[in-house]
């Protein structure tokens, strides 16, 4: 990645940022160090490495949305605080109009 000198003021202008002279003095060496690191990464041999979206495998992000087959309706209602006729009873929340 050959590059000529990239000015921090130029990058700041593209980002619509105003930098003081002190900030330019701090950020210029940092930008050059970042560019040197990116250039070093381009020289790495990655021929045998498979491309990935994540650095580590991702498992169990989503599960199938299927009902549990071994639970009977009575077993599903066993923890309900109030039930009648195989249904969960809840307090009335709508008043008469």
PDB file of N, CA and C in Angstrom:
ATOM      1  N   UNK A   1       0.838  -1.169   0.000  1.00  0.00           N
ATOM      2  CA  UNK A   1       0.000   0.000   0.000  1.00  0.00           C
ATOM      3  C   UNK A   1       0.887   1.237   0.000  1.00  0.00           C
ATOM      4  N   UNK A   2       1.567   1.502  -1.072  1.00  0.00           N
ATOM      5  CA  UNK A   2       2.405   2.693  -1.083  1.00  0.00           C
ATOM      6  C   UNK A   2       1.536   3.943  -1.016  1.00  0.00           C
ATOM      7  N   UNK A   3       1.940   4.846  -0.162  1.00  0.00           N
ATOM      8  CA  UNK A   3       1.175   6.087  -0.029  1.00  0.00           C
ATOM      9  C   UNK A   3       2.140   7.241   0.201  1.00  0.00           C
ATOM     10  N   UNK A   4       1.756   8.342  -0.320  1.00  0.00           N
ATOM     11  CA  UNK A   4       2.518   9.535  -0.004  1.00  0.00           C
ATOM     12  C   UNK A   4       2.035  10.029   1.354  1.00  0.00           C
ATOM     13  N   UNK A   5       2.622  11.050   1.829  1.00  0.00           N
ATOM     14  CA  UNK A   5       2.266  11.609   3.130  1.00  0.00           C
ATOM     15  C   UNK A   5       0.784  11.993   3.144  1.00  0.00           C
ATOM     16  N   UNK A   6       0.022  11.431   4.077  1.00  0.00           N
ATOM     17  CA  UNK A   6      -1.399  11.787   4.223  1.00  0.00           C
ATOM     18  C   UNK A   6      -1.506  12.786   5.363  1.00  0.00           C
ATOM     19  N   UNK A   7      -2.032  13.906   5.069  1.00  0.00           N
ATOM     20  CA  UNK A   7      -2.135  14.990   6.035  1.00  0.00           C
ATOM     21  C   UNK A   7      -3.372  14.808   6.901  1.00  0.00           C
ATOM     22  N   UNK A   8      -3.212  14.942   8.204  1.00  0.00           N
ATOM     23  CA  UNK A   8      -4.332  14.832   9.130  1.00  0.00           C
ATOM     24  C   UNK A   8      -5.355  15.931   8.859  1.00  0.00           C
ATOM     25  N   UNK A   9      -4.902  17.087   8.484  1.00  0.00           N
ATOM     26  CA  UNK A   9      -5.845  18.176   8.192  1.00  0.00           C
ATOM     27  C   UNK A   9      -6.755  17.805   7.010  1.00  0.00           C
ATOM     28  N   UNK A  10      -6.196  17.112   6.010  1.00  0.00           N
ATOM     29  CA  UNK A  10      -6.987  16.691   4.854  1.00  0.00           C
ATOM     30  C   UNK A  10      -8.077  15.694   5.296  1.00  0.00           C
ATOM     31  N   UNK A  11      -7.686  14.714   6.119  1.00  0.00           N
ATOM     32  CA  UNK A  11      -8.646  13.725   6.607  1.00  0.00           C
ATOM     33  C   UNK A  11      -9.691  14.396   7.494  1.00  0.00           C
ATOM     34  N   UNK A  12      -9.259  15.317   8.330  1.00  0.00           N
ATOM     35  CA  UNK A  12     -10.196  16.028   9.204  1.00  0.00           C
ATOM     36  C   UNK A  12     -11.176  16.851   8.375  1.00  0.00           C
ATOM     37  N   UNK A  13     -10.705  17.446   7.308  1.00  0.00           N
ATOM     38  CA  UNK A  13     -11.591  18.224   6.434  1.00  0.00           C
ATOM     39  C   UNK A  13     -12.640  17.307   5.792  1.00  0.00           C
ATOM     40  N   UNK A  14     -12.239  16.114   5.365  1.00  0.00           N
ATOM     41  CA  UNK A  14     -13.199  15.166   4.796  1.00  0.00           C
ATOM     42  C   UNK A  14     -14.262  14.767   5.815  1.00  0.00           C
ATOM     43  N   UNK A  15     -13.868  14.702   7.082  1.00  0.00           N
ATOM     44  CA  UNK A  15     -14.796  14.334   8.150  1.00  0.00           C
ATOM     45  C   UNK A  15     -15.511  15.544   8.734  1.00  0.00           C
ATOM     46  N   UNK A  16     -15.256  16.703   8.164  1.00  0.00           N
ATOM     47  CA  UNK A  16     -15.863  17.961   8.635  1.00  0.00           C
ATOM     48  C   UNK A  16     -15.510  18.245  10.099  1.00  0.00           C
ATOM     49  N   UNK A  17     -14.230  18.027  10.423  1.00  0.00           N
ATOM     50  CA  UNK A  17     -13.731  18.296  11.766  1.00  0.00           C
ATOM     51  C   UNK A  17     -12.744  19.447  11.723  1.00  0.00           C
ATOM     52  N   UNK A  18     -12.797  20.255  12.738  1.00  0.00           N
ATOM     53  CA  UNK A  18     -11.804  21.326  12.888  1.00  0.00           C
ATOM     54  C   UNK A  18     -10.804  20.901  13.949  1.00  0.00           C
ATOM     55  N   UNK A  19      -9.528  20.891  13.588  1.00  0.00           N
ATOM     56  CA  UNK A  19      -8.484  20.492  14.520  1.00  0.00           C
ATOM     57  C   UNK A  19      -7.573  21.675  14.813  1.00  0.00           C
ATOM     58  N   UNK A  20      -7.165  21.767  16.071  1.00  0.00           N
ATOM     59  CA  UNK A  20      -6.189  22.789  16.437  1.00  0.00           C
ATOM     60  C   UNK A  20      -4.802  22.297  16.035  1.00  0.00           C
ATOM     61  N   UNK A  21      -3.821  23.193  16.100  1.00  0.00           N
ATOM     62  CA  UNK A  21      -2.450  22.813  15.766  1.00  0.00           C
ATOM     63  C   UNK A  21      -1.925  21.744  16.719  1.00  0.00           C
ATOM     64  N   UNK A  22      -2.315  21.840  17.998  1.00  0.00           N
ATOM     65  CA  UNK A  22      -1.889  20.830  18.977  1.00  0.00           C
ATOM     66  C   UNK A  22      -2.478  19.459  18.639  1.00  0.00           C
ATOM     67  N   UNK A  23      -3.737  19.426  18.220  1.00  0.00           N
ATOM     68  CA  UNK A  23      -4.372  18.158  17.854  1.00  0.00           C
ATOM     69  C   UNK A  23      -3.718  17.561  16.606  1.00  0.00           C
ATOM     70  N   UNK A  24      -3.382  18.397  15.651  1.00  0.00           N
ATOM     71  CA  UNK A  24      -2.709  17.912  14.448  1.00  0.00           C
ATOM     72  C   UNK A  24      -1.367  17.302  14.826  1.00  0.00           C
ATOM     73  N   UNK A  25      -0.644  17.942  15.745  1.00  0.00           N
ATOM     74  CA  UNK A  25       0.662  17.434  16.174  1.00  0.00           C
ATOM     75  C   UNK A  25       0.523  16.069  16.863  1.00  0.00           C
ATOM     76  N   UNK A  26      -0.595  15.831  17.547  1.00  0.00           N
ATOM     77  CA  UNK A  26      -0.822  14.542  18.214  1.00  0.00           C
ATOM     78  C   UNK A  26      -1.305  13.491  17.219  1.00  0.00           C
ATOM     79  N   UNK A  27      -2.243  13.877  16.339  1.00  0.00           N
ATOM     80  CA  UNK A  27      -2.896  12.902  15.465  1.00  0.00           C
ATOM     81  C   UNK A  27      -2.050  12.499  14.255  1.00  0.00           C
ATOM     82  N   UNK A  28      -1.168  13.360  13.779  1.00  0.00           N
ATOM     83  CA  UNK A  28      -0.379  13.028  12.592  1.00  0.00           C
ATOM     84  C   UNK A  28       0.488  11.784  12.806  1.00  0.00           C
ATOM     85  N   UNK A  29       1.251  11.690  13.891  1.00  0.00           N
ATOM     86  CA  UNK A  29       2.031  10.458  14.105  1.00  0.00           C
ATOM     87  C   UNK A  29       1.132   9.230  14.295  1.00  0.00           C
ATOM     88  N   UNK A  30      -0.035   9.421  14.920  1.00  0.00           N
ATOM     89  CA  UNK A  30      -0.953   8.297  15.112  1.00  0.00           C
ATOM     90  C   UNK A  30      -1.478   7.788  13.771  1.00  0.00           C
ATOM     91  N   UNK A  31      -1.843   8.701  12.879  1.00  0.00           N
ATOM     92  CA  UNK A  31      -2.321   8.311  11.548  1.00  0.00           C
ATOM     93  C   UNK A  31      -1.228   7.578  10.782  1.00  0.00           C
ATOM     94  N   UNK A  32      -0.006   8.070  10.855  1.00  0.00           N
ATOM     95  CA  UNK A  32       1.100   7.409  10.161  1.00  0.00           C
ATOM     96  C   UNK A  32       1.360   6.014  10.736  1.00  0.00           C
ATOM     97  N   UNK A  33       1.235   5.849  12.053  1.00  0.00           N
ATOM     98  CA  UNK A  33       1.410   4.530  12.677  1.00  0.00           C
ATOM     99  C   UNK A  33       0.306   3.568  12.226  1.00  0.00           C
ATOM    100  N   UNK A  34      -0.910   4.058  12.121  1.00  0.00           N
ATOM    101  CA  UNK A  34      -2.027   3.224  11.647  1.00  0.00           C
ATOM    102  C   UNK A  34      -1.780   2.774  10.215  1.00  0.00           C
ATOM    103  N   UNK A  35      -1.337   3.684   9.372  1.00  0.00           N
ATOM    104  CA  UNK A  35      -1.072   3.343   7.974  1.00  0.00           C
ATOM    105  C   UNK A  35       0.091   2.356   7.846  1.00  0.00           C
ATOM    106  N   UNK A  36       1.123   2.498   8.685  1.00  0.00           N
ATOM    107  CA  UNK A  36       2.225   1.540   8.675  1.00  0.00           C
ATOM    108  C   UNK A  36       1.738   0.155   9.098  1.00  0.00           C
ATOM    109  N   UNK A  37       0.865   0.104  10.079  1.00  0.00           N
ATOM    110  CA  UNK A  37       0.317  -1.172  10.543  1.00  0.00           C
ATOM    111  C   UNK A  37      -0.540  -1.813   9.450  1.00  0.00           C
ATOM    112  N   UNK A  38      -1.370  -1.024   8.782  1.00  0.00           N
ATOM    113  CA  UNK A  38      -2.189  -1.557   7.690  1.00  0.00           C
ATOM    114  C   UNK A  38      -1.306  -2.080   6.559  1.00  0.00           C
ATOM    115  N   UNK A  39      -0.218  -1.383   6.299  1.00  0.00           N
ATOM    116  CA  UNK A  39       0.712  -1.836   5.259  1.00  0.00           C
ATOM    117  C   UNK A  39       1.375  -3.143   5.669  1.00  0.00           C
ATOM    118  N   UNK A  40       1.701  -3.300   6.948  1.00  0.00           N
ATOM    119  CA  UNK A  40       2.302  -4.551   7.430  1.00  0.00           C
ATOM    120  C   UNK A  40       1.300  -5.699   7.311  1.00  0.00           C
ATOM    121  N   UNK A  41       0.026  -5.429   7.526  1.00  0.00           N
ATOM    122  CA  UNK A  41      -0.992  -6.474   7.409  1.00  0.00           C
ATOM    123  C   UNK A  41      -1.138  -6.963   5.975  1.00  0.00           C
ATOM    124  N   UNK A  42      -0.927  -6.088   5.008  1.00  0.00           N
ATOM    125  CA  UNK A  42      -1.049  -6.510   3.606  1.00  0.00           C
ATOM    126  C   UNK A  42       0.073  -7.454   3.199  1.00  0.00           C
ATOM    127  N   UNK A  43       1.171  -7.467   3.952  1.00  0.00           N
ATOM    128  CA  UNK A  43       2.290  -8.339   3.618  1.00  0.00           C
ATOM    129  C   UNK A  43       2.159  -9.729   4.244  1.00  0.00           C
ATOM    130  N   UNK A  44       1.142  -9.963   5.065  1.00  0.00           N
ATOM    131  CA  UNK A  44       0.967 -11.270   5.700  1.00  0.00           C
ATOM    132  C   UNK A  44       0.520 -12.309   4.685  1.00  0.00           C
ATOM    133  N   UNK A  45       1.005 -13.545   4.841  1.00  0.00           N
ATOM    134  CA  UNK A  45       0.593 -14.648   3.984  1.00  0.00           C
ATOM    135  C   UNK A  45      -0.654 -15.285   4.587  1.00  0.00           C
ATOM    136  N   UNK A  46      -1.794 -15.102   3.934  1.00  0.00           N
ATOM    137  CA  UNK A  46      -3.063 -15.646   4.414  1.00  0.00           C
ATOM    138  C   UNK A  46      -3.635 -16.651   3.421  1.00  0.00           C
ATOM    139  N   UNK A  47      -2.763 -17.307   2.672  1.00  0.00           N
ATOM    140  CA  UNK A  47      -3.207 -18.211   1.606  1.00  0.00           C
ATOM    141  C   UNK A  47      -4.035 -19.374   2.150  1.00  0.00           C
ATOM    142  N   UNK A  48      -3.696 -19.931   3.295  1.00  0.00           N
ATOM    143  CA  UNK A  48      -4.404 -21.098   3.810  1.00  0.00           C
ATOM    144  C   UNK A  48      -5.484 -20.773   4.822  1.00  0.00           C
ATOM    145  N   UNK A  49      -5.823 -19.525   4.974  1.00  0.00           N
ATOM    146  CA  UNK A  49      -6.798 -19.124   5.986  1.00  0.00           C
ATOM    147  C   UNK A  49      -8.137 -18.843   5.318  1.00  0.00           C
ATOM    148  N   UNK A  50      -9.180 -19.507   5.829  1.00  0.00           N
ATOM    149  CA  UNK A  50     -10.517 -19.320   5.272  1.00  0.00           C
ATOM    150  C   UNK A  50     -11.107 -18.001   5.769  1.00  0.00           C
ATOM    151  N   UNK A  51     -11.716 -17.221   4.900  1.00  0.00           N
ATOM    152  CA  UNK A  51     -12.333 -15.967   5.337  1.00  0.00           C
ATOM    153  C   UNK A  51     -13.485 -16.228   6.310  1.00  0.00           C
ATOM    154  N   UNK A  52     -13.615 -15.376   7.309  1.00  0.00           N
ATOM    155  CA  UNK A  52     -14.686 -15.520   8.288  1.00  0.00           C
ATOM    156  C   UNK A  52     -15.333 -14.168   8.553  1.00  0.00           C
ATOM    157  N   UNK A  53     -16.554 -14.219   9.037  1.00  0.00           N
ATOM    158  CA  UNK A  53     -17.252 -12.990   9.413  1.00  0.00           C
ATOM    159  C   UNK A  53     -16.958 -12.621  10.863  1.00  0.00           C
ATOM    160  N   UNK A  54     -16.600 -13.634  11.682  1.00  0.00           N
ATOM    161  CA  UNK A  54     -16.300 -13.415  13.096  1.00  0.00           C
ATOM    162  C   UNK A  54     -14.966 -14.067  13.415  1.00  0.00           C
ATOM    163  N   UNK A  55     -14.201 -13.525  14.347  1.00  0.00           N
ATOM    164  CA  UNK A  55     -12.913 -14.135  14.679  1.00  0.00           C
ATOM    165  C   UNK A  55     -13.061 -15.472  15.394  1.00  0.00           C
ATOM    166  N   UNK A  56     -14.198 -15.702  16.032  1.00  0.00           N
ATOM    167  CA  UNK A  56     -14.454 -16.963  16.720  1.00  0.00           C
ATOM    168  C   UNK A  56     -15.790 -17.512  16.223  1.00  0.00           C
ATOM    169  N   UNK A  57     -15.959 -18.835  16.243  1.00  0.00           N
ATOM    170  CA  UNK A  57     -17.235 -19.399  15.797  1.00  0.00           C
ATOM    171  C   UNK A  57     -18.398 -18.901  16.645  1.00  0.00           C
ATOM    172  N   UNK A  58     -19.529 -18.667  16.008  1.00  0.00           N
ATOM    173  CA  UNK A  58     -20.727 -18.199  16.700  1.00  0.00           C
ATOM    174  C   UNK A  58     -21.752 -19.324  16.657  1.00  0.00           C
ATOM    175  N   UNK A  59     -22.183 -19.771  17.839  1.00  0.00           N
ATOM    176  CA  UNK A  59     -23.135 -20.864  17.932  1.00  0.00           C
ATOM    177  C   UNK A  59     -24.357 -20.429  18.726  1.00  0.00           C
ATOM    178  N   UNK A  60     -25.484 -21.013  18.416  1.00  0.00           N
ATOM    179  CA  UNK A  60     -26.673 -20.835  19.233  1.00  0.00           C
ATOM    180  C   UNK A  60     -27.274 -19.451  19.195  1.00  0.00           C
ATOM    181  N   UNK A  61     -27.095 -18.732  18.121  1.00  0.00           N
ATOM    182  CA  UNK A  61     -27.665 -17.387  18.061  1.00  0.00           C
ATOM    183  C   UNK A  61     -29.186 -17.431  17.979  1.00  0.00           C
ATOM    184  N   UNK A  62     -29.727 -18.395  17.269  1.00  0.00           N
ATOM    185  CA  UNK A  62     -31.173 -18.538  17.140  1.00  0.00           C
ATOM    186  C   UNK A  62     -31.515 -20.016  17.308  1.00  0.00           C
ATOM    187  N   UNK A  63     -32.666 -20.286  17.861  1.00  0.00           N
ATOM    188  CA  UNK A  63     -33.115 -21.664  17.965  1.00  0.00           C
ATOM    189  C   UNK A  63     -34.412 -21.798  17.185  1.00  0.00           C
ATOM    190  N   UNK A  64     -34.737 -23.021  16.820  1.00  0.00           N
ATOM    191  CA  UNK A  64     -35.990 -23.260  16.135  1.00  0.00           C
ATOM    192  C   UNK A  64     -37.149 -22.952  17.078  1.00  0.00           C
ATOM    193  N   UNK A  65     -38.150 -22.316  16.565  1.00  0.00           N
ATOM    194  CA  UNK A  65     -39.313 -21.954  17.365  1.00  0.00           C
ATOM    195  C   UNK A  65     -40.364 -23.055  17.229  1.00  0.00           C
ATOM    196  N   UNK A  66     -40.143 -24.127  17.971  1.00  0.00           N
ATOM    197  CA  UNK A  66     -41.071 -25.255  17.949  1.00  0.00           C
ATOM    198  C   UNK A  66     -41.499 -25.550  19.381  1.00  0.00           C
ATOM    199  N   UNK A  67     -42.746 -25.957  19.582  1.00  0.00           N
ATOM    200  CA  UNK A  67     -43.189 -26.277  20.941  1.00  0.00           C
ATOM    201  C   UNK A  67     -42.517 -27.542  21.444  1.00  0.00           C
ATOM    202  N   UNK A  68     -42.330 -27.601  22.720  1.00  0.00           N
ATOM    203  CA  UNK A  68     -41.724 -28.774  23.329  1.00  0.00           C
ATOM    204  C   UNK A  68     -42.714 -29.927  23.227  1.00  0.00           C
ATOM    205  N   UNK A  69     -42.302 -31.040  22.650  1.00  0.00           N
ATOM    206  CA  UNK A  69     -43.218 -32.134  22.352  1.00  0.00           C
ATOM    207  C   UNK A  69     -43.615 -32.939  23.587  1.00  0.00           C
ATOM    208  N   UNK A  70     -42.807 -32.939  24.630  1.00  0.00           N
ATOM    209  CA  UNK A  70     -43.094 -33.809  25.768  1.00  0.00           C
ATOM    210  C   UNK A  70     -44.019 -33.166  26.794  1.00  0.00           C
ATOM    211  N   UNK A  71     -44.337 -31.891  26.653  1.00  0.00           N
ATOM    212  CA  UNK A  71     -45.192 -31.240  27.639  1.00  0.00           C
ATOM    213  C   UNK A  71     -46.660 -31.352  27.245  1.00  0.00           C
ATOM    214  N   UNK A  72     -47.465 -31.794  28.170  1.00  0.00           N
ATOM    215  CA  UNK A  72     -48.912 -31.863  27.951  1.00  0.00           C
ATOM    216  C   UNK A  72     -49.522 -30.521  28.334  1.00  0.00           C
ATOM    217  N   UNK A  73     -50.732 -30.223  27.889  1.00  0.00           N
ATOM    218  CA  UNK A  73     -51.371 -28.964  28.298  1.00  0.00           C
ATOM    219  C   UNK A  73     -51.461 -28.819  29.810  1.00  0.00           C
ATOM    220  N   UNK A  74     -51.703 -29.900  30.518  1.00  0.00           N
ATOM    221  CA  UNK A  74     -51.779 -29.817  31.985  1.00  0.00           C
ATOM    222  C   UNK A  74     -50.420 -29.447  32.573  1.00  0.00           C
ATOM    223  N   UNK A  75     -49.345 -29.991  31.997  1.00  0.00           N
ATOM    224  CA  UNK A  75     -48.011 -29.670  32.488  1.00  0.00           C
ATOM    225  C   UNK A  75     -47.661 -28.223  32.212  1.00  0.00           C
ATOM    226  N   UNK A  76     -48.141 -27.677  31.091  1.00  0.00           N
ATOM    227  CA  UNK A  76     -47.879 -26.279  30.781  1.00  0.00           C
ATOM    228  C   UNK A  76     -48.577 -25.343  31.753  1.00  0.00           C
ATOM    229  N   UNK A  77     -49.733 -25.767  32.279  1.00  0.00           N
ATOM    230  CA  UNK A  77     -50.513 -24.915  33.177  1.00  0.00           C
ATOM    231  C   UNK A  77     -50.161 -25.085  34.641  1.00  0.00           C
ATOM    232  N   UNK A  78     -49.270 -25.996  34.967  1.00  0.00           N
ATOM    233  CA  UNK A  78     -49.020 -26.300  36.370  1.00  0.00           C
ATOM    234  C   UNK A  78     -48.470 -25.106  37.161  1.00  0.00           C
ATOM    235  N   UNK A  79     -47.782 -24.185  36.518  1.00  0.00           N
ATOM    236  CA  UNK A  79     -47.235 -23.018  37.221  1.00  0.00           C
ATOM    237  C   UNK A  79     -48.109 -21.777  37.092  1.00  0.00           C
ATOM    238  N   UNK A  80     -49.228 -21.883  36.411  1.00  0.00           N
ATOM    239  CA  UNK A  80     -50.115 -20.729  36.263  1.00  0.00           C
ATOM    240  C   UNK A  80     -50.766 -20.433  37.609  1.00  0.00           C
ATOM    241  N   UNK A  81     -50.799 -19.165  38.052  1.00  0.00           N
ATOM    242  CA  UNK A  81     -51.360 -18.850  39.364  1.00  0.00           C
ATOM    243  C   UNK A  81     -52.877 -19.056  39.428  1.00  0.00           C
ATOM    244  N   UNK A  82     -53.584 -18.874  38.321  1.00  0.00           N
ATOM    245  CA  UNK A  82     -55.031 -19.027  38.314  1.00  0.00           C
ATOM    246  C   UNK A  82     -55.429 -19.664  36.997  1.00  0.00           C
ATOM    247  N   UNK A  83     -56.157 -20.762  37.055  1.00  0.00           N
ATOM    248  CA  UNK A  83     -56.538 -21.458  35.835  1.00  0.00           C
ATOM    249  C   UNK A  83     -57.934 -22.039  35.982  1.00  0.00           C
ATOM    250  N   UNK A  84     -58.584 -22.195  34.849  1.00  0.00           N
ATOM    251  CA  UNK A  84     -59.917 -22.791  34.825  1.00  0.00           C
ATOM    252  C   UNK A  84     -60.160 -23.374  33.442  1.00  0.00           C
ATOM    253  N   UNK A  85     -60.699 -24.553  33.375  1.00  0.00           N
ATOM    254  CA  UNK A  85     -61.066 -25.232  32.133  1.00  0.00           C
ATOM    255  C   UNK A  85     -59.886 -25.315  31.156  1.00  0.00           C
ATOM    256  N   UNK A  86     -58.703 -25.590  31.693  1.00  0.00           N
ATOM    257  CA  UNK A  86     -57.528 -25.757  30.847  1.00  0.00           C
ATOM    258  C   UNK A  86     -56.982 -24.459  30.271  1.00  0.00           C
ATOM    259  N   UNK A  87     -57.366 -23.333  30.860  1.00  0.00           N
ATOM    260  CA  UNK A  87     -56.885 -22.037  30.383  1.00  0.00           C
ATOM    261  C   UNK A  87     -56.372 -21.215  31.557  1.00  0.00           C
ATOM    262  N   UNK A  88     -55.475 -20.284  31.256  1.00  0.00           N
ATOM    263  CA  UNK A  88     -54.956 -19.378  32.281  1.00  0.00           C
ATOM    264  C   UNK A  88     -55.944 -18.241  32.444  1.00  0.00           C
ATOM    265  N   UNK A  89     -56.315 -17.959  33.695  1.00  0.00           N
ATOM    266  CA  UNK A  89     -57.222 -16.849  33.966  1.00  0.00           C
ATOM    267  C   UNK A  89     -56.390 -15.621  34.352  1.00  0.00           C
ATOM    268  N   UNK A  90     -56.758 -14.487  33.810  1.00  0.00           N
ATOM    269  CA  UNK A  90     -56.069 -13.239  34.107  1.00  0.00           C
ATOM    270  C   UNK A  90     -57.095 -12.221  34.565  1.00  0.00           C
ATOM    271  N   UNK A  91     -56.662 -11.209  35.328  1.00  0.00           N
ATOM    272  CA  UNK A  91     -57.620 -10.183  35.765  1.00  0.00           C
ATOM    273  C   UNK A  91     -58.143  -9.369  34.598  1.00  0.00           C
ATOM    274  N   UNK A  92     -59.345  -8.879  34.747  1.00  0.00           N
ATOM    275  CA  UNK A  92     -59.952  -8.033  33.723  1.00  0.00           C
ATOM    276  C   UNK A  92     -59.194  -6.688  33.701  1.00  0.00           C
ATOM    277  N   UNK A  93     -58.830  -6.233  32.488  1.00  0.00           N
ATOM    278  CA  UNK A  93     -58.072  -4.993  32.393  1.00  0.00           C
ATOM    279  C   UNK A  93     -58.841  -3.914  31.622  1.00  0.00           C
ATOM    280  N   UNK A  94     -60.006  -4.265  31.049  1.00  0.00           N
ATOM    281  CA  UNK A  94     -60.806  -3.309  30.303  1.00  0.00           C
ATOM    282  C   UNK A  94     -62.074  -3.022  31.089  1.00  0.00           C
ATOM    283  N   UNK A  95     -62.343  -1.762  31.306  1.00  0.00           N
ATOM    284  CA  UNK A  95     -63.568  -1.412  32.004  1.00  0.00           C
ATOM    285  C   UNK A  95     -64.725  -1.347  31.019  1.00  0.00           C
ATOM    286  N   UNK A  96     -65.936  -1.441  31.548  1.00  0.00           N
ATOM    287  CA  UNK A  96     -67.113  -1.340  30.684  1.00  0.00           C
ATOM    288  C   UNK A  96     -67.211   0.061  30.107  1.00  0.00           C
ATOM    289  N   UNK A  97     -67.570   0.150  28.836  1.00  0.00           N
ATOM    290  CA  UNK A  97     -67.635   1.436  28.174  1.00  0.00           C
ATOM    291  C   UNK A  97     -68.982   2.086  28.376  1.00  0.00           C
TER     292      UNK A  97
END
